[in-house]
């Protein structure tokens, strides 16, 4: 029981920045409850692995996901997404808090599974602050789908 509680606490601490901490803790708590009041494991329990699988499933279900929530202006940023129509021409733009496009939008074609993968580079000199990745498919009007990100100037 102590090991499961420790794993839940560790996972919650590391997942706070990804917004998935509540899912990880809930998953670990469910695994702990499955052990019963004696604290003895009835079969193999790996709450950390199961929580990781739930978090990954959530990430791959999103239309647009940034590799990191924060990074420096001028550095390349990996982006992924899923749930698009296969062959969809997805436009991904970085926008400021006022909705203005920052830099040049990226255009990526969804693969046969409806997944996208590309990079975005916030221009050098982009002011520090919160921004939004906005993904749309102009052909079918799908979107906008968004992901909040933070950029820091050098």
Protein backbone atom coordinates (compact mmCIF):
# COMPACT_ATOMS: atom_id res chain seq x y z
CA UNK A 1 0.00 0.00 0.00
CA UNK A 2 2.86 2.38 0.76
CA UNK A 3 4.41 1.66 -2.62
CA UNK A 4 1.18 2.48 -4.46
CA UNK A 5 0.66 5.68 -2.45
CA UNK A 6 4.26 6.70 -3.18
CA UNK A 7 3.80 5.98 -6.90
CA UNK A 8 0.61 8.06 -6.93
CA UNK A 9 2.33 10.98 -5.21
CA UNK A 10 5.33 10.80 -7.53
CA UNK A 11 3.20 10.61 -10.63
CA UNK A 12 0.95 13.46 -9.50
CA UNK A 13 4.00 15.64 -8.91
CA UNK A 14 5.51 14.93 -12.32
CA UNK A 15 2.25 15.26 -14.25
CA UNK A 16 1.07 18.63 -12.89
CA UNK A 17 2.45 20.54 -15.86
CA UNK A 18 0.69 18.30 -18.37
CA UNK A 19 -2.75 18.78 -16.81
CA UNK A 20 -3.14 15.05 -16.32
CA UNK A 21 -2.33 14.79 -12.60
CA UNK A 22 -5.94 14.23 -11.55
CA UNK A 23 -6.24 11.25 -13.89
CA UNK A 24 -2.99 9.75 -12.65
CA UNK A 25 -3.94 10.09 -8.99
CA UNK A 26 -7.42 8.73 -9.60
CA UNK A 27 -5.96 5.75 -11.45
CA UNK A 28 -3.46 5.03 -8.69
CA UNK A 29 -6.17 5.38 -6.04
CA UNK A 30 -8.30 2.84 -7.91
CA UNK A 31 -5.36 0.45 -7.99
CA UNK A 32 -4.82 0.95 -4.27
CA UNK A 33 -8.51 0.25 -3.60
CA UNK A 34 -8.20 -2.97 -5.62
CA UNK A 35 -5.61 -4.17 -3.12
CA UNK A 36 -8.22 -4.27 -0.39
CA UNK A 37 -8.01 -3.16 3.20
CA UNK A 38 -5.17 -5.55 3.97
CA UNK A 39 -2.86 -3.65 1.64
CA UNK A 40 -1.92 -6.92 -0.04
CA UNK A 41 -1.76 -6.99 -3.80
CA UNK A 42 -4.16 -9.51 -5.31
CA UNK A 43 -2.33 -10.04 -8.59
CA UNK A 44 0.16 -7.78 -10.32
CA UNK A 45 -0.58 -4.08 -9.87
CA UNK A 46 1.36 -1.42 -11.69
CA UNK A 47 -0.49 1.83 -11.09
CA UNK A 48 2.29 3.91 -12.61
CA UNK A 49 2.19 2.03 -15.93
CA UNK A 50 -1.61 2.05 -16.09
CA UNK A 51 -1.72 5.79 -15.36
CA UNK A 52 0.88 6.42 -18.06
CA UNK A 53 -1.22 4.46 -20.57
CA UNK A 54 -4.34 6.49 -19.72
CA UNK A 55 -2.43 9.77 -20.09
CA UNK A 56 -0.92 8.73 -23.44
CA UNK A 57 -4.33 7.70 -24.73
CA UNK A 58 -5.65 11.16 -23.82
CA UNK A 59 -2.73 12.91 -25.56
CA UNK A 60 -3.17 10.97 -28.79
CA UNK A 61 -6.91 11.66 -28.79
CA UNK A 62 -6.35 15.44 -28.92
CA UNK A 63 -6.49 17.25 -32.26
CA UNK A 64 -3.38 19.34 -31.47
CA UNK A 65 -0.71 18.72 -28.82
CA UNK A 66 2.55 20.58 -28.21
CA UNK A 67 5.59 18.54 -27.16
CA UNK A 68 6.19 21.01 -24.32
CA UNK A 69 3.89 23.58 -22.76
CA UNK A 70 6.70 26.15 -22.60
CA UNK A 71 9.81 26.91 -24.63
CA UNK A 72 12.08 29.64 -25.91
CA UNK A 73 11.33 31.81 -28.94
CA UNK A 74 13.39 30.72 -31.95
CA UNK A 75 13.44 27.04 -30.98
CA UNK A 76 11.72 24.30 -32.93
CA UNK A 77 8.66 22.82 -31.24
CA UNK A 78 7.25 19.36 -32.10
CA UNK A 79 3.49 19.20 -32.46
CA UNK A 80 1.24 16.18 -32.94
CA UNK A 81 -2.44 15.50 -33.14
CA UNK A 82 -5.05 12.92 -34.05
CA UNK A 83 -8.72 12.64 -34.89
CA UNK A 84 -8.42 14.36 -38.28
CA UNK A 85 -9.84 12.91 -41.49
CA UNK A 86 -7.15 10.96 -43.36
CA UNK A 87 -5.60 13.27 -45.94
CA UNK A 88 -6.88 16.42 -44.25
CA UNK A 89 -4.75 19.49 -44.95
CA UNK A 90 -4.42 20.88 -41.44
CA UNK A 91 -3.22 24.45 -40.86
CA UNK A 92 -1.52 25.08 -37.51
CA UNK A 93 -0.93 28.66 -36.41
CA UNK A 94 0.59 30.16 -33.29
CA UNK A 95 -1.60 33.03 -32.06
CA UNK A 96 -1.15 35.70 -29.41
CA UNK A 97 -3.65 36.53 -26.67
CA UNK A 98 -5.26 39.04 -29.06
CA UNK A 99 -5.72 36.34 -31.73
CA UNK A 100 -3.02 37.70 -34.05
CA UNK A 101 -1.00 35.07 -35.92
CA UNK A 102 2.64 34.93 -34.81
CA UNK A 103 5.10 33.75 -37.45
CA UNK A 104 4.12 31.61 -40.42
CA UNK A 105 1.41 28.95 -40.05
CA UNK A 106 2.44 25.35 -40.71
CA UNK A 107 0.50 23.14 -43.11
CA UNK A 108 0.53 19.38 -42.55
CA UNK A 109 -1.41 16.51 -44.13
CA UNK A 110 -3.03 13.95 -41.82
CA UNK A 111 -1.82 10.38 -42.41
CA UNK A 112 -4.06 7.37 -43.08
CA UNK A 113 -4.85 7.17 -39.34
CA UNK A 114 -5.83 10.85 -39.15
CA UNK A 115 -2.68 11.79 -37.23
CA UNK A 116 -0.50 14.84 -37.79
CA UNK A 117 3.11 15.50 -36.84
CA UNK A 118 5.14 18.61 -37.62
CA UNK A 119 7.15 21.40 -36.04
CA UNK A 120 6.46 25.03 -35.21
CA UNK A 121 9.15 27.62 -34.53
CA UNK A 122 8.12 30.80 -32.71
CA UNK A 123 10.10 33.64 -34.32
CA UNK A 124 13.13 35.07 -32.51
CA UNK A 125 12.04 38.10 -30.50
CA UNK A 126 8.52 36.81 -29.84
CA UNK A 127 7.53 38.45 -26.54
CA UNK A 128 7.28 36.30 -23.43
CA UNK A 129 3.74 35.28 -22.64
CA UNK A 130 0.87 32.88 -23.20
CA UNK A 131 0.01 31.83 -26.75
CA UNK A 132 -2.30 29.35 -28.42
CA UNK A 133 -1.69 26.75 -31.10
CA UNK A 134 -4.74 26.75 -33.36
CA UNK A 135 -5.34 23.85 -35.75
CA UNK A 136 -8.01 23.91 -38.47
CA UNK A 137 -8.94 22.00 -41.60
CA UNK A 138 -10.12 24.74 -43.98
CA UNK A 139 -11.50 22.19 -46.46
CA UNK A 140 -14.20 20.85 -44.14
CA UNK A 141 -14.31 23.67 -41.60
CA UNK A 142 -13.06 21.40 -38.82
CA UNK A 143 -11.75 23.35 -35.87
CA UNK A 144 -10.49 25.48 -34.48
CA UNK A 145 -8.83 23.06 -32.08
CA UNK A 146 -6.43 24.64 -29.63
CA UNK A 147 -3.57 23.99 -27.22
CA UNK A 148 -2.32 26.58 -24.72
CA UNK A 149 1.44 27.19 -24.74
CA UNK A 150 3.93 29.63 -23.21
CA UNK A 151 6.83 31.28 -24.97
CA UNK A 152 9.84 32.88 -23.33
CA UNK A 153 12.09 35.44 -25.04
CA UNK A 154 15.83 35.08 -24.86
